[in-house]
Amino acid sequence: MLFSKPTKYGAGIILYGDYWDLKNLHTTIHELAELDLIEDKLSDFVLYLAYDIRHAYQRHREILDSTHYKDEKVLYYGVKILWPIFLVQLGLLRRLAAYHPTSKSHQADIFRLEACAEEALKSYDPITGKWCIDWYTSFGGFPTQYNFDFIYSCSQEYVTRGKSGKDRFKLLPDILRMISFGSKDYSSFTENLKSMVGQKGIKLNDSIDFEEWPKFKW
């Protein structure tokens, strides 16, 4: 089954599963995203999660050796995802599942993904974790013109502002509020983009190059 843990310094979540766990989740994300025929940018942002999951089961990310008995060796494959990015992706997946027909397999994968989020959030800080759970379960989505690069900008601020660990994690609610389409931070971001020439954005469905970010601890 899928399981998770928070990263050591509170930057994000590590999702783990065996090959078939992750392969099934990858299929579910693709099938739900492809149902959304209007909001291409929304689908692209959700599909970035599928991209991460695919690289996990292809052994390009984290590998956990879980040996319970001498004659049994089990490998789980995982991927680290920053909290602001993952929680928005989870909120969007919930909305897609709510507004489109879903199979029992889709529902099982979404419920398990939510359980992974809740377990990791609460284990790191129960109070802040509960706030974040309430946020993504009541997530209202974005309008079609929303600029998803802003989420990466907020994520960069999250991992580089203040101390790492519990102090950083307590900032997560503020970061999630910023991501809202109606926030002052979002308005400032879009206005700055309009005034800049040759702005370099992160391409969706492509790997985020963390080497271009200031160094941070996961």
N, C-alpha and C. Protein backbone atom coordinates (compact mmCIF):
# COMPACT_ATOMS: atom_id res chain seq x y z
N MET A 1 0.84 -1.19 0.00
CA MET A 1 0.00 0.00 0.00
C MET A 1 0.88 1.24 0.00
N LEU A 2 0.27 2.39 -0.30
CA LEU A 2 0.98 3.66 -0.22
C LEU A 2 1.16 4.05 1.24
N PHE A 3 2.30 4.63 1.57
CA PHE A 3 2.50 5.19 2.90
C PHE A 3 3.42 6.39 2.77
N SER A 4 3.61 7.10 3.86
CA SER A 4 4.34 8.35 3.77
C SER A 4 5.03 8.69 5.06
N LYS A 5 5.88 9.70 4.99
CA LYS A 5 6.43 10.34 6.18
C LYS A 5 6.82 11.76 5.80
N PRO A 6 6.84 12.67 6.78
CA PRO A 6 7.28 14.02 6.47
C PRO A 6 8.79 14.04 6.30
N THR A 7 9.30 14.95 5.49
CA THR A 7 10.75 15.07 5.39
C THR A 7 11.30 15.60 6.71
N LYS A 8 12.55 15.36 6.98
CA LYS A 8 13.16 15.65 8.29
C LYS A 8 13.01 17.10 8.70
N TYR A 9 13.20 18.01 7.77
CA TYR A 9 13.20 19.43 8.10
C TYR A 9 11.91 20.15 7.71
N GLY A 10 10.85 19.39 7.47
CA GLY A 10 9.53 19.97 7.29
C GLY A 10 9.25 20.59 5.94
N ALA A 11 10.09 20.32 4.95
CA ALA A 11 9.87 20.94 3.63
C ALA A 11 8.73 20.27 2.88
N GLY A 12 8.54 18.98 3.09
CA GLY A 12 7.51 18.30 2.31
C GLY A 12 7.21 16.91 2.81
N ILE A 13 6.66 16.13 1.93
CA ILE A 13 6.24 14.75 2.21
C ILE A 13 7.06 13.79 1.35
N ILE A 14 7.30 12.60 1.86
CA ILE A 14 7.85 11.52 1.04
C ILE A 14 6.77 10.46 0.88
N LEU A 15 6.35 10.24 -0.34
CA LEU A 15 5.38 9.18 -0.65
C LEU A 15 6.12 7.92 -1.02
N TYR A 16 5.70 6.79 -0.45
CA TYR A 16 6.31 5.50 -0.75
C TYR A 16 5.25 4.50 -1.22
N GLY A 17 5.68 3.57 -2.02
CA GLY A 17 4.84 2.46 -2.43
C GLY A 17 5.66 1.46 -3.21
N ASP A 18 5.10 0.27 -3.46
CA ASP A 18 5.81 -0.66 -4.34
C ASP A 18 5.48 -0.28 -5.79
N TYR A 19 6.01 -1.01 -6.72
CA TYR A 19 5.84 -0.68 -8.13
C TYR A 19 4.37 -0.54 -8.51
N TRP A 20 3.53 -1.52 -8.10
CA TRP A 20 2.14 -1.53 -8.52
C TRP A 20 1.32 -0.46 -7.81
N ASP A 21 1.65 -0.18 -6.53
CA ASP A 21 0.97 0.92 -5.82
C ASP A 21 1.11 2.21 -6.61
N LEU A 22 2.35 2.51 -6.97
CA LEU A 22 2.65 3.78 -7.63
C LEU A 22 2.16 3.79 -9.07
N LYS A 23 2.26 2.65 -9.73
CA LYS A 23 1.79 2.56 -11.12
C LYS A 23 0.27 2.82 -11.17
N ASN A 24 -0.48 2.21 -10.25
CA ASN A 24 -1.93 2.43 -10.21
C ASN A 24 -2.27 3.88 -9.91
N LEU A 25 -1.52 4.49 -8.97
CA LEU A 25 -1.76 5.89 -8.64
C LEU A 25 -1.47 6.78 -9.85
N HIS A 26 -0.41 6.49 -10.55
CA HIS A 26 -0.05 7.23 -11.76
C HIS A 26 -1.20 7.17 -12.79
N THR A 27 -1.77 5.99 -12.96
CA THR A 27 -2.88 5.81 -13.90
C THR A 27 -4.10 6.62 -13.46
N THR A 28 -4.41 6.57 -12.17
CA THR A 28 -5.56 7.31 -11.64
C THR A 28 -5.40 8.81 -11.88
N ILE A 29 -4.23 9.36 -11.59
CA ILE A 29 -4.00 10.79 -11.78
C ILE A 29 -4.18 11.17 -13.24
N HIS A 30 -3.63 10.37 -14.14
CA HIS A 30 -3.76 10.65 -15.57
C HIS A 30 -5.22 10.60 -16.01
N GLU A 31 -5.92 9.59 -15.56
CA GLU A 31 -7.32 9.45 -16.01
C GLU A 31 -8.19 10.58 -15.49
N LEU A 32 -7.96 11.02 -14.26
CA LEU A 32 -8.74 12.13 -13.72
C LEU A 32 -8.37 13.45 -14.40
N ALA A 33 -7.08 13.67 -14.62
CA ALA A 33 -6.63 14.92 -15.25
C ALA A 33 -7.14 15.01 -16.68
N GLU A 34 -7.19 13.89 -17.37
CA GLU A 34 -7.63 13.90 -18.77
C GLU A 34 -9.13 14.14 -18.91
N LEU A 35 -9.87 14.02 -17.80
CA LEU A 35 -11.30 14.31 -17.83
C LEU A 35 -11.55 15.82 -17.88
N ASP A 36 -10.55 16.58 -17.46
CA ASP A 36 -10.69 18.02 -17.43
C ASP A 36 -10.26 18.58 -18.78
N LEU A 37 -11.21 18.84 -19.65
CA LEU A 37 -10.92 19.22 -21.03
C LEU A 37 -10.85 20.72 -21.22
N ILE A 38 -11.18 21.49 -20.20
CA ILE A 38 -11.24 22.94 -20.35
C ILE A 38 -10.00 23.61 -19.75
N GLU A 39 -9.71 23.31 -18.51
CA GLU A 39 -8.63 24.00 -17.81
C GLU A 39 -7.31 23.25 -18.01
N ASP A 40 -6.66 23.52 -19.13
CA ASP A 40 -5.43 22.80 -19.47
C ASP A 40 -4.33 23.02 -18.43
N LYS A 41 -4.20 24.24 -17.93
CA LYS A 41 -3.14 24.53 -16.96
C LYS A 41 -3.38 23.77 -15.67
N LEU A 42 -4.64 23.66 -15.26
CA LEU A 42 -4.98 22.89 -14.07
C LEU A 42 -4.57 21.44 -14.26
N SER A 43 -4.92 20.87 -15.41
CA SER A 43 -4.57 19.47 -15.68
C SER A 43 -3.06 19.28 -15.70
N ASP A 44 -2.35 20.24 -16.29
CA ASP A 44 -0.89 20.16 -16.34
C ASP A 44 -0.29 20.12 -14.95
N PHE A 45 -0.83 20.95 -14.06
CA PHE A 45 -0.27 21.00 -12.70
C PHE A 45 -0.52 19.69 -11.97
N VAL A 46 -1.69 19.10 -12.17
CA VAL A 46 -1.98 17.80 -11.57
C VAL A 46 -1.09 16.72 -12.19
N LEU A 47 -0.87 16.81 -13.49
CA LEU A 47 -0.05 15.80 -14.17
C LEU A 47 1.41 15.86 -13.73
N TYR A 48 1.83 16.99 -13.19
CA TYR A 48 3.19 17.04 -12.66
C TYR A 48 3.35 16.05 -11.51
N LEU A 49 2.28 15.83 -10.73
CA LEU A 49 2.32 14.82 -9.67
C LEU A 49 2.49 13.44 -10.28
N ALA A 50 1.78 13.17 -11.38
CA ALA A 50 1.94 11.89 -12.07
C ALA A 50 3.37 11.72 -12.56
N TYR A 51 3.97 12.81 -13.03
CA TYR A 51 5.37 12.79 -13.47
C TYR A 51 6.28 12.34 -12.33
N ASP A 52 6.09 12.93 -11.14
CA ASP A 52 6.90 12.55 -9.98
C ASP A 52 6.68 11.08 -9.61
N ILE A 53 5.42 10.66 -9.61
CA ILE A 53 5.10 9.27 -9.26
C ILE A 53 5.75 8.30 -10.25
N ARG A 54 5.69 8.64 -11.52
CA ARG A 54 6.31 7.76 -12.54
C ARG A 54 7.81 7.62 -12.31
N HIS A 55 8.47 8.72 -12.02
CA HIS A 55 9.91 8.63 -11.77
C HIS A 55 10.21 7.87 -10.48
N ALA A 56 9.27 7.87 -9.55
CA ALA A 56 9.47 7.08 -8.33
C ALA A 56 9.48 5.60 -8.64
N TYR A 57 8.44 5.10 -9.36
CA TYR A 57 8.42 3.65 -9.61
C TYR A 57 9.45 3.23 -10.66
N GLN A 58 10.01 4.19 -11.37
CA GLN A 58 11.11 3.88 -12.28
C GLN A 58 12.46 3.93 -11.57
N ARG A 59 12.43 4.09 -10.26
CA ARG A 59 13.63 4.06 -9.41
C ARG A 59 14.54 5.26 -9.62
N HIS A 60 13.98 6.38 -9.97
CA HIS A 60 14.77 7.59 -10.20
C HIS A 60 14.75 8.53 -9.00
N ARG A 61 14.01 8.16 -7.94
CA ARG A 61 13.89 9.04 -6.78
C ARG A 61 14.40 8.31 -5.52
N GLU A 62 13.55 8.17 -4.53
CA GLU A 62 13.94 7.55 -3.26
C GLU A 62 13.71 6.04 -3.30
N ILE A 63 14.58 5.29 -2.62
CA ILE A 63 14.39 3.83 -2.50
C ILE A 63 14.56 3.46 -1.03
N LEU A 64 13.56 2.74 -0.51
CA LEU A 64 13.55 2.32 0.89
C LEU A 64 13.63 0.80 0.94
N ASP A 65 14.64 0.29 1.63
CA ASP A 65 14.80 -1.15 1.82
C ASP A 65 14.11 -1.55 3.11
N SER A 66 13.00 -2.26 3.00
CA SER A 66 12.23 -2.66 4.18
C SER A 66 12.31 -4.17 4.33
N THR A 67 13.27 -4.65 5.13
CA THR A 67 13.47 -6.08 5.32
C THR A 67 12.90 -6.49 6.68
N HIS A 68 11.86 -7.31 6.66
CA HIS A 68 11.22 -7.75 7.90
C HIS A 68 11.75 -9.11 8.37
N TYR A 69 12.07 -9.97 7.42
CA TYR A 69 12.57 -11.31 7.75
C TYR A 69 13.84 -11.56 6.95
N LYS A 70 14.65 -12.50 7.41
CA LYS A 70 15.92 -12.76 6.76
C LYS A 70 15.75 -13.17 5.30
N ASP A 71 14.66 -13.88 5.01
CA ASP A 71 14.48 -14.38 3.65
C ASP A 71 13.52 -13.50 2.83
N GLU A 72 13.21 -12.29 3.36
CA GLU A 72 12.29 -11.42 2.65
C GLU A 72 12.86 -10.00 2.57
N LYS A 73 13.06 -9.55 1.35
CA LYS A 73 13.54 -8.20 1.14
C LYS A 73 12.53 -7.45 0.27
N VAL A 74 12.02 -6.35 0.78
CA VAL A 74 11.01 -5.58 0.06
C VAL A 74 11.56 -4.19 -0.21
N LEU A 75 11.49 -3.77 -1.47
CA LEU A 75 11.91 -2.42 -1.83
C LEU A 75 10.68 -1.56 -2.09
N TYR A 76 10.66 -0.39 -1.47
CA TYR A 76 9.63 0.59 -1.74
C TYR A 76 10.26 1.79 -2.43
N TYR A 77 9.53 2.34 -3.36
CA TYR A 77 10.04 3.47 -4.12
C TYR A 77 9.28 4.72 -3.69
N GLY A 78 10.00 5.83 -3.62
CA GLY A 78 9.37 7.04 -3.11
C GLY A 78 9.79 8.29 -3.84
N VAL A 79 9.12 9.38 -3.48
CA VAL A 79 9.43 10.68 -4.07
C VAL A 79 9.14 11.75 -3.03
N LYS A 80 10.02 12.75 -2.98
CA LYS A 80 9.83 13.91 -2.09
C LYS A 80 9.12 15.02 -2.86
N ILE A 81 8.09 15.58 -2.24
CA ILE A 81 7.34 16.67 -2.87
C ILE A 81 7.15 17.77 -1.83
N LEU A 82 7.40 19.01 -2.21
CA LEU A 82 7.24 20.13 -1.30
C LEU A 82 5.78 20.28 -0.89
N TRP A 83 5.54 20.64 0.37
CA TRP A 83 4.19 20.72 0.89
C TRP A 83 3.26 21.64 0.09
N PRO A 84 3.65 22.87 -0.23
CA PRO A 84 2.70 23.72 -0.95
C PRO A 84 2.27 23.13 -2.29
N ILE A 85 3.21 22.53 -3.00
CA ILE A 85 2.90 21.93 -4.30
C ILE A 85 1.99 20.72 -4.12
N PHE A 86 2.35 19.84 -3.21
CA PHE A 86 1.59 18.60 -3.02
C PHE A 86 0.16 18.87 -2.55
N LEU A 87 -0.01 19.80 -1.62
CA LEU A 87 -1.34 20.06 -1.08
C LEU A 87 -2.27 20.68 -2.11
N VAL A 88 -1.72 21.53 -2.97
CA VAL A 88 -2.54 22.07 -4.06
C VAL A 88 -2.91 20.95 -5.04
N GLN A 89 -1.95 20.11 -5.38
CA GLN A 89 -2.24 18.99 -6.29
C GLN A 89 -3.31 18.07 -5.70
N LEU A 90 -3.23 17.81 -4.42
CA LEU A 90 -4.22 16.95 -3.77
C LEU A 90 -5.59 17.62 -3.78
N GLY A 91 -5.62 18.92 -3.49
CA GLY A 91 -6.89 19.64 -3.54
C GLY A 91 -7.52 19.61 -4.92
N LEU A 92 -6.70 19.77 -5.95
CA LEU A 92 -7.20 19.72 -7.32
C LEU A 92 -7.69 18.33 -7.70
N LEU A 93 -6.98 17.31 -7.27
CA LEU A 93 -7.42 15.93 -7.54
C LEU A 93 -8.77 15.65 -6.89
N ARG A 94 -8.95 16.13 -5.66
CA ARG A 94 -10.23 15.95 -4.98
C ARG A 94 -11.36 16.59 -5.78
N ARG A 95 -11.11 17.79 -6.33
CA ARG A 95 -12.14 18.47 -7.10
C ARG A 95 -12.45 17.73 -8.40
N LEU A 96 -11.41 17.24 -9.05
CA LEU A 96 -11.63 16.47 -10.28
C LEU A 96 -12.46 15.23 -9.99
N ALA A 97 -12.15 14.56 -8.88
CA ALA A 97 -12.89 13.36 -8.52
C ALA A 97 -14.34 13.68 -8.14
N ALA A 98 -14.55 14.88 -7.60
CA ALA A 98 -15.90 15.27 -7.17
C ALA A 98 -16.80 15.62 -8.34
N TYR A 99 -16.21 16.12 -9.43
CA TYR A 99 -17.02 16.62 -10.54
C TYR A 99 -17.03 15.71 -11.76
N HIS A 100 -16.39 14.57 -11.67
CA HIS A 100 -16.37 13.64 -12.79
C HIS A 100 -16.64 12.22 -12.28
N PRO A 101 -17.16 11.35 -13.13
CA PRO A 101 -17.37 9.96 -12.72
C PRO A 101 -16.03 9.30 -12.34
N THR A 102 -16.06 8.55 -11.27
CA THR A 102 -14.84 7.86 -10.82
C THR A 102 -15.13 6.39 -10.57
N SER A 103 -14.11 5.59 -10.74
CA SER A 103 -14.22 4.16 -10.46
C SER A 103 -13.83 3.90 -9.00
N LYS A 104 -14.07 2.70 -8.54
CA LYS A 104 -13.66 2.35 -7.18
C LYS A 104 -12.14 2.39 -7.04
N SER A 105 -11.45 2.06 -8.13
CA SER A 105 -9.98 2.13 -8.11
C SER A 105 -9.52 3.58 -7.95
N HIS A 106 -10.16 4.52 -8.66
CA HIS A 106 -9.83 5.94 -8.51
C HIS A 106 -10.04 6.37 -7.06
N GLN A 107 -11.20 6.01 -6.52
CA GLN A 107 -11.55 6.44 -5.17
C GLN A 107 -10.57 5.87 -4.14
N ALA A 108 -10.18 4.61 -4.33
CA ALA A 108 -9.24 3.99 -3.40
C ALA A 108 -7.89 4.72 -3.42
N ASP A 109 -7.43 5.08 -4.60
CA ASP A 109 -6.15 5.77 -4.71
C ASP A 109 -6.22 7.16 -4.08
N ILE A 110 -7.31 7.90 -4.32
CA ILE A 110 -7.44 9.23 -3.76
C ILE A 110 -7.54 9.17 -2.23
N PHE A 111 -8.34 8.25 -1.70
CA PHE A 111 -8.45 8.11 -0.25
C PHE A 111 -7.10 7.76 0.38
N ARG A 112 -6.37 6.89 -0.28
CA ARG A 112 -5.08 6.49 0.27
C ARG A 112 -4.08 7.66 0.23
N LEU A 113 -4.14 8.43 -0.84
CA LEU A 113 -3.27 9.60 -0.96
C LEU A 113 -3.61 10.62 0.13
N GLU A 114 -4.90 10.80 0.39
CA GLU A 114 -5.31 11.70 1.47
C GLU A 114 -4.84 11.18 2.82
N ALA A 115 -4.93 9.89 3.03
CA ALA A 115 -4.47 9.31 4.29
C ALA A 115 -2.97 9.55 4.48
N CYS A 116 -2.22 9.43 3.39
CA CYS A 116 -0.78 9.69 3.45
C CYS A 116 -0.52 11.13 3.85
N ALA A 117 -1.27 12.05 3.26
CA ALA A 117 -1.10 13.47 3.59
C ALA A 117 -1.42 13.73 5.05
N GLU A 118 -2.53 13.19 5.53
CA GLU A 118 -2.95 13.44 6.90
C GLU A 118 -1.96 12.85 7.91
N GLU A 119 -1.49 11.65 7.64
CA GLU A 119 -0.55 11.01 8.56
C GLU A 119 0.75 11.80 8.66
N ALA A 120 1.26 12.26 7.52
CA ALA A 120 2.52 12.99 7.51
C ALA A 120 2.36 14.37 8.15
N LEU A 121 1.26 15.06 7.84
CA LEU A 121 1.03 16.40 8.40
C LEU A 121 0.88 16.34 9.93
N LYS A 122 0.04 15.44 10.41
CA LYS A 122 -0.21 15.37 11.85
C LYS A 122 1.00 14.88 12.63
N SER A 123 1.78 13.99 12.03
CA SER A 123 2.94 13.46 12.74
C SER A 123 4.02 14.53 12.92
N TYR A 124 4.05 15.51 12.02
CA TYR A 124 5.08 16.55 12.13
C TYR A 124 4.66 17.64 13.10
N ASP A 125 3.42 18.05 13.05
CA ASP A 125 2.88 19.05 13.98
C ASP A 125 1.36 18.94 13.93
N PRO A 126 0.74 18.39 14.97
CA PRO A 126 -0.71 18.14 14.94
C PRO A 126 -1.55 19.39 14.70
N ILE A 127 -1.17 20.53 15.27
CA ILE A 127 -1.99 21.74 15.15
C ILE A 127 -1.89 22.32 13.75
N THR A 128 -0.67 22.57 13.29
CA THR A 128 -0.48 23.08 11.93
C THR A 128 -0.97 22.07 10.90
N GLY A 129 -0.73 20.79 11.18
CA GLY A 129 -1.17 19.74 10.27
C GLY A 129 -2.68 19.73 10.10
N LYS A 130 -3.40 19.91 11.22
CA LYS A 130 -4.87 19.94 11.15
C LYS A 130 -5.35 21.12 10.31
N TRP A 131 -4.71 22.27 10.45
CA TRP A 131 -5.09 23.45 9.66
C TRP A 131 -4.92 23.17 8.17
N CYS A 132 -3.81 22.53 7.81
CA CYS A 132 -3.53 22.24 6.40
C CYS A 132 -4.50 21.21 5.83
N ILE A 133 -4.92 20.26 6.66
CA ILE A 133 -5.91 19.27 6.23
C ILE A 133 -7.24 19.97 5.94
N ASP A 134 -7.64 20.86 6.84
CA ASP A 134 -8.88 21.61 6.63
C ASP A 134 -8.79 22.45 5.35
N TRP A 135 -7.60 22.99 5.08
CA TRP A 135 -7.42 23.83 3.89
C TRP A 135 -7.63 23.04 2.61
N TYR A 136 -6.95 21.90 2.47
CA TYR A 136 -7.07 21.19 1.19
C TYR A 136 -8.42 20.49 1.04
N THR A 137 -9.07 20.13 2.16
CA THR A 137 -10.38 19.49 2.03
C THR A 137 -11.47 20.50 1.66
N SER A 138 -11.22 21.79 1.91
CA SER A 138 -12.19 22.82 1.53
C SER A 138 -11.68 23.65 0.36
N PHE A 139 -10.68 23.16 -0.33
CA PHE A 139 -10.05 23.90 -1.42
C PHE A 139 -11.06 24.20 -2.52
N GLY A 140 -11.10 25.49 -2.94
CA GLY A 140 -12.11 25.91 -3.90
C GLY A 140 -11.66 25.93 -5.34
N GLY A 141 -10.40 25.57 -5.61
CA GLY A 141 -9.91 25.55 -6.98
C GLY A 141 -9.41 26.92 -7.43
N PHE A 142 -9.12 27.03 -8.72
CA PHE A 142 -8.60 28.26 -9.30
C PHE A 142 -9.40 28.62 -10.55
N PRO A 143 -9.42 29.90 -10.90
CA PRO A 143 -10.02 30.29 -12.18
C PRO A 143 -9.08 29.89 -13.32
N THR A 144 -9.60 29.89 -14.54
CA THR A 144 -8.82 29.42 -15.68
C THR A 144 -7.58 30.25 -15.94
N GLN A 145 -7.59 31.54 -15.54
CA GLN A 145 -6.44 32.40 -15.83
C GLN A 145 -5.36 32.35 -14.75
N TYR A 146 -5.52 31.49 -13.76
CA TYR A 146 -4.54 31.42 -12.67
C TYR A 146 -3.16 31.05 -13.21
N ASN A 147 -2.13 31.75 -12.72
CA ASN A 147 -0.75 31.49 -13.12
C ASN A 147 -0.11 30.52 -12.12
N PHE A 148 0.08 29.28 -12.53
CA PHE A 148 0.57 28.26 -11.61
C PHE A 148 2.04 28.43 -11.25
N ASP A 149 2.76 29.26 -11.99
CA ASP A 149 4.14 29.54 -11.60
C ASP A 149 4.20 30.18 -10.22
N PHE A 150 3.12 30.84 -9.82
CA PHE A 150 3.08 31.47 -8.51
C PHE A 150 3.22 30.44 -7.39
N ILE A 151 2.70 29.24 -7.61
CA ILE A 151 2.80 28.20 -6.59
C ILE A 151 4.26 27.79 -6.38
N TYR A 152 5.03 27.76 -7.47
CA TYR A 152 6.45 27.45 -7.34
C TYR A 152 7.18 28.60 -6.63
N SER A 153 6.76 29.82 -6.91
CA SER A 153 7.35 30.97 -6.23
C SER A 153 7.08 30.91 -4.73
N CYS A 154 5.84 30.57 -4.36
CA CYS A 154 5.48 30.43 -2.94
C CYS A 154 6.24 29.27 -2.29
N SER A 155 6.43 28.20 -3.03
CA SER A 155 7.15 27.04 -2.50
C SER A 155 8.60 27.39 -2.23
N GLN A 156 9.18 28.18 -3.13
CA GLN A 156 10.56 28.61 -2.92
C GLN A 156 10.66 29.49 -1.67
N GLU A 157 9.69 30.37 -1.50
CA GLU A 157 9.69 31.19 -0.29
C GLU A 157 9.54 30.34 0.95
N TYR A 158 8.69 29.31 0.86
CA TYR A 158 8.47 28.43 2.01
C TYR A 158 9.75 27.77 2.48
N VAL A 159 10.54 27.25 1.56
CA VAL A 159 11.73 26.48 1.97
C VAL A 159 12.93 27.36 2.28
N THR A 160 12.85 28.64 1.98
CA THR A 160 14.01 29.51 2.21
C THR A 160 13.76 30.58 3.27
N ARG A 161 12.51 30.70 3.72
CA ARG A 161 12.20 31.71 4.74
C ARG A 161 12.39 31.15 6.14
N GLY A 162 13.17 31.81 6.95
CA GLY A 162 13.31 31.41 8.35
C GLY A 162 14.06 30.10 8.55
N LYS A 163 13.94 29.57 9.75
CA LYS A 163 14.63 28.34 10.12
C LYS A 163 13.90 27.12 9.55
N SER A 164 14.67 26.07 9.29
CA SER A 164 14.06 24.82 8.84
C SER A 164 13.47 24.09 10.03
N GLY A 165 12.67 23.08 9.76
CA GLY A 165 12.09 22.28 10.83
C GLY A 165 10.72 22.78 11.25
N LYS A 166 10.41 22.66 12.54
CA LYS A 166 9.08 23.02 13.05
C LYS A 166 8.76 24.50 12.81
N ASP A 167 9.76 25.38 12.92
CA ASP A 167 9.51 26.80 12.68
C ASP A 167 9.06 27.04 11.24
N ARG A 168 9.71 26.36 10.30
CA ARG A 168 9.31 26.48 8.89
C ARG A 168 7.90 25.94 8.69
N PHE A 169 7.63 24.78 9.25
CA PHE A 169 6.34 24.12 9.04
C PHE A 169 5.19 24.99 9.52
N LYS A 170 5.41 25.76 10.59
CA LYS A 170 4.35 26.63 11.11
C LYS A 170 4.04 27.79 10.17
N LEU A 171 4.91 28.03 9.19
CA LEU A 171 4.66 29.06 8.19
C LEU A 171 3.77 28.56 7.05
N LEU A 172 3.56 27.25 6.99
CA LEU A 172 2.84 26.67 5.86
C LEU A 172 1.43 27.25 5.69
N PRO A 173 0.64 27.47 6.75
CA PRO A 173 -0.67 28.10 6.55
C PRO A 173 -0.58 29.46 5.86
N ASP A 174 0.42 30.27 6.21
CA ASP A 174 0.59 31.57 5.56
C ASP A 174 0.88 31.40 4.07
N ILE A 175 1.70 30.41 3.72
CA ILE A 175 2.03 30.15 2.33
C ILE A 175 0.79 29.71 1.56
N LEU A 176 -0.01 28.86 2.16
CA LEU A 176 -1.23 28.38 1.50
C LEU A 176 -2.23 29.52 1.30
N ARG A 177 -2.29 30.45 2.25
CA ARG A 177 -3.17 31.61 2.08
C ARG A 177 -2.69 32.47 0.91
N MET A 178 -1.37 32.60 0.76
CA MET A 178 -0.81 33.38 -0.33
C MET A 178 -1.21 32.83 -1.69
N ILE A 179 -1.31 31.50 -1.78
CA ILE A 179 -1.57 30.84 -3.06
C ILE A 179 -2.96 31.17 -3.60
N SER A 180 -3.83 31.62 -2.74
CA SER A 180 -5.19 31.96 -3.17
C SER A 180 -5.17 32.98 -4.31
N PHE A 181 -6.07 32.80 -5.28
CA PHE A 181 -6.18 33.71 -6.42
C PHE A 181 -6.44 35.14 -5.97
N GLY A 182 -7.15 35.32 -4.87
CA GLY A 182 -7.52 36.66 -4.43
C GLY A 182 -6.53 37.31 -3.48
N SER A 183 -5.39 36.70 -3.21
CA SER A 183 -4.44 37.26 -2.26
C SER A 183 -3.69 38.45 -2.85
N LYS A 184 -3.23 39.35 -1.98
CA LYS A 184 -2.43 40.49 -2.42
C LYS A 184 -1.11 40.02 -3.02
N ASP A 185 -0.57 38.93 -2.47
CA ASP A 185 0.70 38.40 -2.98
C ASP A 185 0.56 37.92 -4.42
N TYR A 186 -0.58 37.28 -4.71
CA TYR A 186 -0.78 36.81 -6.08
C TYR A 186 -0.93 38.00 -7.04
N SER A 187 -1.65 39.02 -6.62
CA SER A 187 -1.83 40.21 -7.47
C SER A 187 -0.49 40.87 -7.75
N SER A 188 0.36 40.98 -6.72
CA SER A 188 1.69 41.58 -6.90
C SER A 188 2.53 40.75 -7.84
N PHE A 189 2.44 39.44 -7.72
CA PHE A 189 3.22 38.54 -8.57
C PHE A 189 2.85 38.72 -10.04
N THR A 190 1.57 38.74 -10.33
CA THR A 190 1.14 38.86 -11.72
C THR A 190 1.47 40.24 -12.29
N GLU A 191 1.38 41.28 -11.46
CA GLU A 191 1.74 42.61 -11.92
C GLU A 191 3.23 42.70 -12.22
N ASN A 192 4.05 42.06 -11.39
CA ASN A 192 5.50 42.06 -11.63
C ASN A 192 5.84 41.31 -12.92
N LEU A 193 5.11 40.23 -13.18
CA LEU A 193 5.36 39.48 -14.41
C LEU A 193 5.08 40.33 -15.64
N LYS A 194 4.04 41.12 -15.57
CA LYS A 194 3.68 41.96 -16.71
C LYS A 194 4.75 43.00 -17.00
N SER A 195 5.46 43.42 -15.94
CA SER A 195 6.46 44.47 -16.11
C SER A 195 7.85 43.93 -16.43
N MET A 196 8.00 42.61 -16.43
CA MET A 196 9.31 42.01 -16.67
C MET A 196 9.38 41.43 -18.08
N VAL A 197 10.54 41.54 -18.67
CA VAL A 197 10.77 41.00 -20.01
C VAL A 197 11.67 39.77 -19.87
N GLY A 198 11.29 38.69 -20.59
CA GLY A 198 12.11 37.48 -20.55
C GLY A 198 12.03 36.74 -19.25
N GLN A 199 10.90 36.85 -18.54
CA GLN A 199 10.72 36.13 -17.29
C GLN A 199 10.87 34.63 -17.52
N LYS A 200 11.73 33.99 -16.74
CA LYS A 200 11.94 32.54 -16.88
C LYS A 200 11.01 31.81 -15.94
N GLY A 201 10.05 31.09 -16.47
CA GLY A 201 9.13 30.32 -15.64
C GLY A 201 9.51 28.85 -15.65
N ILE A 202 8.97 28.11 -14.69
CA ILE A 202 9.21 26.67 -14.62
C ILE A 202 8.23 25.98 -15.54
N LYS A 203 8.70 25.14 -16.42
CA LYS A 203 7.81 24.43 -17.33
C LYS A 203 7.13 23.27 -16.61
N LEU A 204 5.83 23.23 -16.72
CA LEU A 204 5.10 22.14 -16.09
C LEU A 204 5.35 20.85 -16.85
N ASN A 205 5.20 19.73 -16.12
CA ASN A 205 5.50 18.40 -16.67
C ASN A 205 6.98 18.25 -17.01
N ASP A 206 7.80 19.07 -16.41
CA ASP A 206 9.24 18.94 -16.53
C ASP A 206 9.78 18.98 -15.12
N SER A 207 10.94 18.40 -14.90
CA SER A 207 11.48 18.31 -13.56
C SER A 207 11.86 19.70 -13.03
N ILE A 208 11.54 19.96 -11.76
CA ILE A 208 11.98 21.20 -11.13
C ILE A 208 13.46 21.09 -10.84
N ASP A 209 14.23 22.06 -11.27
CA ASP A 209 15.66 22.06 -11.03
C ASP A 209 15.93 22.82 -9.74
N PHE A 210 16.03 22.07 -8.62
CA PHE A 210 16.24 22.71 -7.34
C PHE A 210 17.62 23.35 -7.24
N GLU A 211 18.54 23.01 -8.14
CA GLU A 211 19.86 23.62 -8.12
C GLU A 211 19.79 25.11 -8.46
N GLU A 212 18.70 25.52 -9.11
CA GLU A 212 18.51 26.93 -9.43
C GLU A 212 17.93 27.70 -8.25
N TRP A 213 17.50 27.00 -7.21
CA TRP A 213 16.95 27.64 -6.03
C TRP A 213 18.06 27.84 -5.00
N PRO A 214 17.88 28.75 -4.06
CA PRO A 214 18.80 28.81 -2.92
C PRO A 214 18.79 27.47 -2.19
N LYS A 215 19.91 27.09 -1.63
CA LYS A 215 19.98 25.78 -0.94
C LYS A 215 19.02 25.75 0.24
N PHE A 216 18.39 24.60 0.42
CA PHE A 216 17.50 24.41 1.56
C PHE A 216 17.56 22.96 2.02
N LYS A 217 17.14 22.72 3.24
CA LYS A 217 17.10 21.38 3.80
C LYS A 217 15.70 20.81 3.66
N TRP A 218 15.61 19.61 3.10
CA TRP A 218 14.31 18.95 2.98
C TRP A 218 13.77 18.58 4.37
